[in-house]
Amino acid sequence: MEPGIFCTHNLAQDIYYERTTILAKPWAFRRIYGLSSTKPPCRLVMTPGSAAQDYAAELTGTDSTIVVWCSADEVEDIGDIVTLEEAGETPGSADGPGP
């Protein structure tokens, strides 16, 4: 895609093999993942027109983030949203599970 932006396998197939999708900015169907070397990923569906910076509060305690472009059919299909607290982590802590 471009530095810092990735796409799902299904979207890549639609673009490069099926030729049924043409990419354009802004892309409406996106997910953002907060990644950490010591914690489970935090996954969120991005609202159309939002930017990665808009999710800073939800991604507190992660080391890095990636934006993933999706097809309209799969953007919501990420399973349950897992917050750091639900995963047993305390945002901003590097020591592992919180109290």
N, C-alpha and C. Protein backbone atom coordinates (compact mmCIF):
# COMPACT_ATOMS: atom_id res chain seq x y z
N MET A 1 0.85 -1.17 0.00
CA MET A 1 0.00 0.00 0.00
C MET A 1 0.90 1.24 0.00
N GLU A 2 1.35 1.62 1.18
CA GLU A 2 2.32 2.71 1.35
C GLU A 2 2.85 2.57 2.77
N PRO A 3 3.94 3.25 3.11
CA PRO A 3 4.49 3.10 4.45
C PRO A 3 3.44 3.38 5.54
N GLY A 4 3.31 2.43 6.46
CA GLY A 4 2.38 2.58 7.57
C GLY A 4 0.96 2.17 7.29
N ILE A 5 0.65 1.79 6.06
CA ILE A 5 -0.70 1.34 5.70
C ILE A 5 -0.61 -0.04 5.08
N PHE A 6 -1.46 -0.93 5.59
CA PHE A 6 -1.48 -2.31 5.13
C PHE A 6 -2.89 -2.65 4.68
N CYS A 7 -3.06 -3.77 4.02
CA CYS A 7 -4.40 -4.21 3.64
C CYS A 7 -4.56 -5.68 3.97
N THR A 8 -5.80 -6.09 4.09
CA THR A 8 -6.09 -7.49 4.36
C THR A 8 -5.87 -8.33 3.10
N HIS A 9 -5.75 -9.60 3.30
CA HIS A 9 -5.57 -10.52 2.18
C HIS A 9 -6.76 -10.42 1.22
N ASN A 10 -7.98 -10.37 1.76
CA ASN A 10 -9.17 -10.29 0.90
C ASN A 10 -9.19 -9.02 0.06
N LEU A 11 -8.82 -7.90 0.65
CA LEU A 11 -8.79 -6.65 -0.12
C LEU A 11 -7.71 -6.72 -1.20
N ALA A 12 -6.55 -7.28 -0.87
CA ALA A 12 -5.48 -7.42 -1.86
C ALA A 12 -5.95 -8.27 -3.04
N GLN A 13 -6.67 -9.34 -2.76
CA GLN A 13 -7.19 -10.17 -3.85
C GLN A 13 -8.17 -9.38 -4.71
N ASP A 14 -9.05 -8.61 -4.07
CA ASP A 14 -10.00 -7.79 -4.82
C ASP A 14 -9.29 -6.78 -5.72
N ILE A 15 -8.18 -6.24 -5.24
CA ILE A 15 -7.45 -5.22 -5.99
C ILE A 15 -6.63 -5.84 -7.13
N TYR A 16 -5.81 -6.85 -6.80
CA TYR A 16 -4.80 -7.32 -7.74
C TYR A 16 -5.23 -8.51 -8.60
N TYR A 17 -6.13 -9.36 -8.12
CA TYR A 17 -6.53 -10.51 -8.90
C TYR A 17 -7.91 -10.34 -9.52
N GLU A 18 -8.88 -9.98 -8.71
CA GLU A 18 -10.25 -9.84 -9.18
C GLU A 18 -10.45 -8.53 -9.95
N ARG A 19 -9.67 -7.51 -9.58
CA ARG A 19 -9.78 -6.18 -10.17
C ARG A 19 -11.18 -5.59 -9.97
N THR A 20 -11.78 -5.87 -8.80
CA THR A 20 -13.12 -5.37 -8.49
C THR A 20 -13.07 -4.14 -7.58
N THR A 21 -11.90 -3.80 -7.06
CA THR A 21 -11.76 -2.67 -6.14
C THR A 21 -10.65 -1.75 -6.64
N ILE A 22 -10.93 -0.47 -6.59
CA ILE A 22 -9.93 0.54 -6.93
C ILE A 22 -9.72 1.38 -5.68
N LEU A 23 -8.48 1.47 -5.22
CA LEU A 23 -8.17 2.21 -3.99
C LEU A 23 -8.25 3.71 -4.23
N ALA A 24 -8.73 4.39 -3.22
CA ALA A 24 -8.80 5.85 -3.25
C ALA A 24 -8.72 6.36 -1.82
N LYS A 25 -8.08 7.51 -1.67
CA LYS A 25 -8.03 8.14 -0.35
C LYS A 25 -9.14 9.16 -0.29
N PRO A 26 -9.81 9.31 0.80
CA PRO A 26 -9.71 8.50 2.02
C PRO A 26 -10.45 7.18 1.85
N TRP A 27 -9.89 6.12 2.44
CA TRP A 27 -10.49 4.79 2.39
C TRP A 27 -11.41 4.65 3.60
N ALA A 28 -12.65 4.27 3.38
CA ALA A 28 -13.65 4.25 4.46
C ALA A 28 -13.54 3.04 5.38
N PHE A 29 -13.02 1.94 4.91
CA PHE A 29 -13.06 0.69 5.67
C PHE A 29 -11.67 0.37 6.21
N ARG A 30 -11.46 0.73 7.47
CA ARG A 30 -10.12 0.58 8.06
C ARG A 30 -10.22 0.06 9.48
N ARG A 31 -9.17 -0.62 9.88
CA ARG A 31 -8.99 -1.06 11.26
C ARG A 31 -7.67 -0.47 11.74
N ILE A 32 -7.54 -0.31 13.05
CA ILE A 32 -6.27 0.09 13.62
C ILE A 32 -5.91 -0.93 14.69
N TYR A 33 -4.66 -1.33 14.69
CA TYR A 33 -4.16 -2.30 15.66
C TYR A 33 -3.08 -1.65 16.49
N GLY A 34 -3.20 -1.76 17.81
CA GLY A 34 -2.14 -1.33 18.71
C GLY A 34 -1.33 -2.56 19.09
N LEU A 35 -0.05 -2.51 18.85
CA LEU A 35 0.82 -3.68 19.06
C LEU A 35 1.79 -3.42 20.20
N SER A 36 2.07 -4.47 20.93
CA SER A 36 3.02 -4.40 22.04
C SER A 36 3.76 -5.72 22.10
N SER A 37 5.02 -5.67 22.50
CA SER A 37 5.81 -6.90 22.61
C SER A 37 5.40 -7.74 23.81
N THR A 38 4.68 -7.14 24.75
CA THR A 38 4.33 -7.87 25.97
C THR A 38 2.83 -8.01 26.20
N LYS A 39 2.01 -7.50 25.30
CA LYS A 39 0.56 -7.51 25.51
C LYS A 39 -0.16 -8.00 24.27
N PRO A 40 -1.38 -8.51 24.42
CA PRO A 40 -2.18 -8.87 23.24
C PRO A 40 -2.49 -7.62 22.41
N PRO A 41 -2.71 -7.78 21.11
CA PRO A 41 -3.03 -6.62 20.28
C PRO A 41 -4.38 -6.01 20.68
N CYS A 42 -4.48 -4.72 20.51
CA CYS A 42 -5.73 -3.99 20.70
C CYS A 42 -6.26 -3.70 19.31
N ARG A 43 -7.49 -4.10 19.02
CA ARG A 43 -8.04 -3.97 17.67
C ARG A 43 -9.27 -3.07 17.71
N LEU A 44 -9.32 -2.11 16.80
CA LEU A 44 -10.44 -1.18 16.74
C LEU A 44 -10.85 -0.96 15.29
N VAL A 45 -12.15 -0.77 15.06
CA VAL A 45 -12.65 -0.37 13.75
C VAL A 45 -12.60 1.14 13.71
N MET A 46 -12.00 1.68 12.66
CA MET A 46 -11.88 3.14 12.51
C MET A 46 -13.13 3.68 11.81
N THR A 47 -13.62 4.80 12.28
CA THR A 47 -14.76 5.42 11.63
C THR A 47 -14.29 6.18 10.40
N PRO A 48 -15.13 6.24 9.36
CA PRO A 48 -14.74 6.97 8.15
C PRO A 48 -14.38 8.42 8.49
N GLY A 49 -13.30 8.89 7.90
CA GLY A 49 -12.86 10.26 8.10
C GLY A 49 -11.96 10.46 9.32
N SER A 50 -11.76 9.42 10.12
CA SER A 50 -10.91 9.56 11.30
C SER A 50 -9.45 9.28 10.92
N ALA A 51 -8.56 9.69 11.82
CA ALA A 51 -7.12 9.46 11.64
C ALA A 51 -6.61 8.61 12.79
N ALA A 52 -5.46 8.00 12.59
CA ALA A 52 -4.88 7.14 13.63
C ALA A 52 -4.71 7.90 14.94
N GLN A 53 -4.37 9.17 14.88
CA GLN A 53 -4.17 9.97 16.09
C GLN A 53 -5.45 10.08 16.92
N ASP A 54 -6.60 9.93 16.29
CA ASP A 54 -7.88 10.02 17.00
C ASP A 54 -8.09 8.87 17.98
N TYR A 55 -7.27 7.84 17.89
CA TYR A 55 -7.43 6.66 18.74
C TYR A 55 -6.32 6.54 19.79
N ALA A 56 -5.60 7.62 20.01
CA ALA A 56 -4.48 7.59 20.95
C ALA A 56 -4.91 7.15 22.34
N ALA A 57 -6.04 7.61 22.82
CA ALA A 57 -6.51 7.25 24.17
C ALA A 57 -6.80 5.77 24.26
N GLU A 58 -7.43 5.21 23.23
CA GLU A 58 -7.76 3.78 23.24
C GLU A 58 -6.52 2.90 23.10
N LEU A 59 -5.45 3.44 22.53
CA LEU A 59 -4.25 2.65 22.27
C LEU A 59 -3.11 2.96 23.24
N THR A 60 -3.42 3.62 24.34
CA THR A 60 -2.41 3.90 25.35
C THR A 60 -1.82 2.58 25.84
N GLY A 61 -0.52 2.53 25.97
CA GLY A 61 0.15 1.33 26.45
C GLY A 61 0.63 0.41 25.35
N THR A 62 0.42 0.79 24.10
CA THR A 62 0.93 -0.02 23.00
C THR A 62 2.22 0.59 22.49
N ASP A 63 3.06 -0.25 21.89
CA ASP A 63 4.35 0.21 21.38
C ASP A 63 4.25 0.85 20.00
N SER A 64 3.38 0.31 19.16
CA SER A 64 3.22 0.83 17.81
C SER A 64 1.82 0.53 17.31
N THR A 65 1.45 1.20 16.25
CA THR A 65 0.13 0.98 15.65
C THR A 65 0.29 0.76 14.16
N ILE A 66 -0.65 0.02 13.59
CA ILE A 66 -0.72 -0.11 12.14
C ILE A 66 -2.17 0.10 11.73
N VAL A 67 -2.34 0.70 10.57
CA VAL A 67 -3.66 0.89 9.97
C VAL A 67 -3.79 -0.15 8.88
N VAL A 68 -4.92 -0.86 8.88
CA VAL A 68 -5.16 -1.92 7.90
C VAL A 68 -6.43 -1.58 7.12
N TRP A 69 -6.29 -1.45 5.81
CA TRP A 69 -7.45 -1.20 4.96
C TRP A 69 -8.13 -2.54 4.70
N CYS A 70 -9.46 -2.54 4.68
CA CYS A 70 -10.26 -3.75 4.54
C CYS A 70 -11.31 -3.57 3.45
N SER A 71 -11.94 -4.67 3.10
CA SER A 71 -13.11 -4.58 2.23
C SER A 71 -14.31 -4.22 3.10
N ALA A 72 -15.37 -3.75 2.49
CA ALA A 72 -16.57 -3.37 3.23
C ALA A 72 -17.14 -4.57 3.99
N ASP A 73 -17.01 -5.76 3.43
CA ASP A 73 -17.57 -6.95 4.06
C ASP A 73 -16.80 -7.41 5.29
N GLU A 74 -15.54 -7.08 5.38
CA GLU A 74 -14.74 -7.62 6.47
C GLU A 74 -14.31 -6.62 7.53
N VAL A 75 -14.60 -5.34 7.35
CA VAL A 75 -14.09 -4.34 8.29
C VAL A 75 -14.58 -4.59 9.71
N GLU A 76 -15.81 -5.00 9.90
CA GLU A 76 -16.35 -5.24 11.24
C GLU A 76 -16.01 -6.64 11.75
N ASP A 77 -15.51 -7.49 10.89
CA ASP A 77 -15.28 -8.89 11.25
C ASP A 77 -13.90 -9.07 11.89
N ILE A 78 -13.72 -8.47 13.07
CA ILE A 78 -12.45 -8.64 13.78
C ILE A 78 -12.66 -9.32 15.11
N GLY A 79 -13.84 -9.85 15.32
CA GLY A 79 -14.14 -10.47 16.61
C GLY A 79 -14.44 -9.38 17.61
N ASP A 80 -14.50 -9.76 18.86
CA ASP A 80 -14.77 -8.78 19.91
C ASP A 80 -13.58 -7.86 20.08
N ILE A 81 -13.87 -6.59 20.31
CA ILE A 81 -12.79 -5.64 20.59
C ILE A 81 -12.22 -5.97 21.96
N VAL A 82 -10.92 -6.10 22.02
CA VAL A 82 -10.25 -6.45 23.26
C VAL A 82 -9.48 -5.24 23.75
N THR A 83 -9.89 -4.71 24.89
CA THR A 83 -9.15 -3.60 25.46
C THR A 83 -7.99 -4.15 26.28
N LEU A 84 -7.03 -3.31 26.60
CA LEU A 84 -5.89 -3.75 27.41
C LEU A 84 -6.36 -4.21 28.78
N GLU A 85 -7.36 -3.51 29.34
CA GLU A 85 -7.85 -3.89 30.65
C GLU A 85 -8.50 -5.27 30.62
N GLU A 86 -9.28 -5.55 29.57
CA GLU A 86 -9.92 -6.86 29.43
C GLU A 86 -8.89 -7.96 29.25
N ALA A 87 -7.74 -7.61 28.66
CA ALA A 87 -6.68 -8.59 28.45
C ALA A 87 -5.83 -8.77 29.71
N GLY A 88 -6.18 -8.03 30.79
CA GLY A 88 -5.43 -8.17 32.04
C GLY A 88 -4.24 -7.26 32.12
N GLU A 89 -4.21 -6.23 31.29
CA GLU A 89 -3.08 -5.31 31.27
C GLU A 89 -3.49 -3.95 31.81
N THR A 90 -2.56 -3.23 32.34
CA THR A 90 -2.77 -1.86 32.78
C THR A 90 -2.16 -0.94 31.74
N PRO A 91 -2.97 -0.03 31.15
CA PRO A 91 -2.41 0.87 30.14
C PRO A 91 -1.18 1.62 30.66
N GLY A 92 -0.15 1.66 29.83
CA GLY A 92 1.05 2.39 30.17
C GLY A 92 2.04 1.61 30.99
N SER A 93 1.69 0.41 31.47
CA SER A 93 2.64 -0.36 32.27
C SER A 93 3.43 -1.29 31.39
N ALA A 94 4.68 -1.43 31.69
CA ALA A 94 5.54 -2.35 30.94
C ALA A 94 5.84 -3.58 31.76
N ASP A 95 5.24 -3.69 32.94
CA ASP A 95 5.55 -4.78 33.86
C ASP A 95 4.67 -6.01 33.66
N GLY A 96 3.71 -5.96 32.76
CA GLY A 96 2.85 -7.11 32.57
C GLY A 96 1.48 -6.86 33.13
N PRO A 97 0.77 -7.93 33.52
CA PRO A 97 -0.61 -7.80 33.95
C PRO A 97 -0.74 -6.85 35.15
N GLY A 98 -1.83 -6.11 35.11
CA GLY A 98 -2.12 -5.17 36.19
C GLY A 98 -2.79 -5.86 37.35
N PRO A 99 -3.13 -5.10 38.39
CA PRO A 99 -3.73 -5.70 39.58
C PRO A 99 -5.09 -6.26 39.32
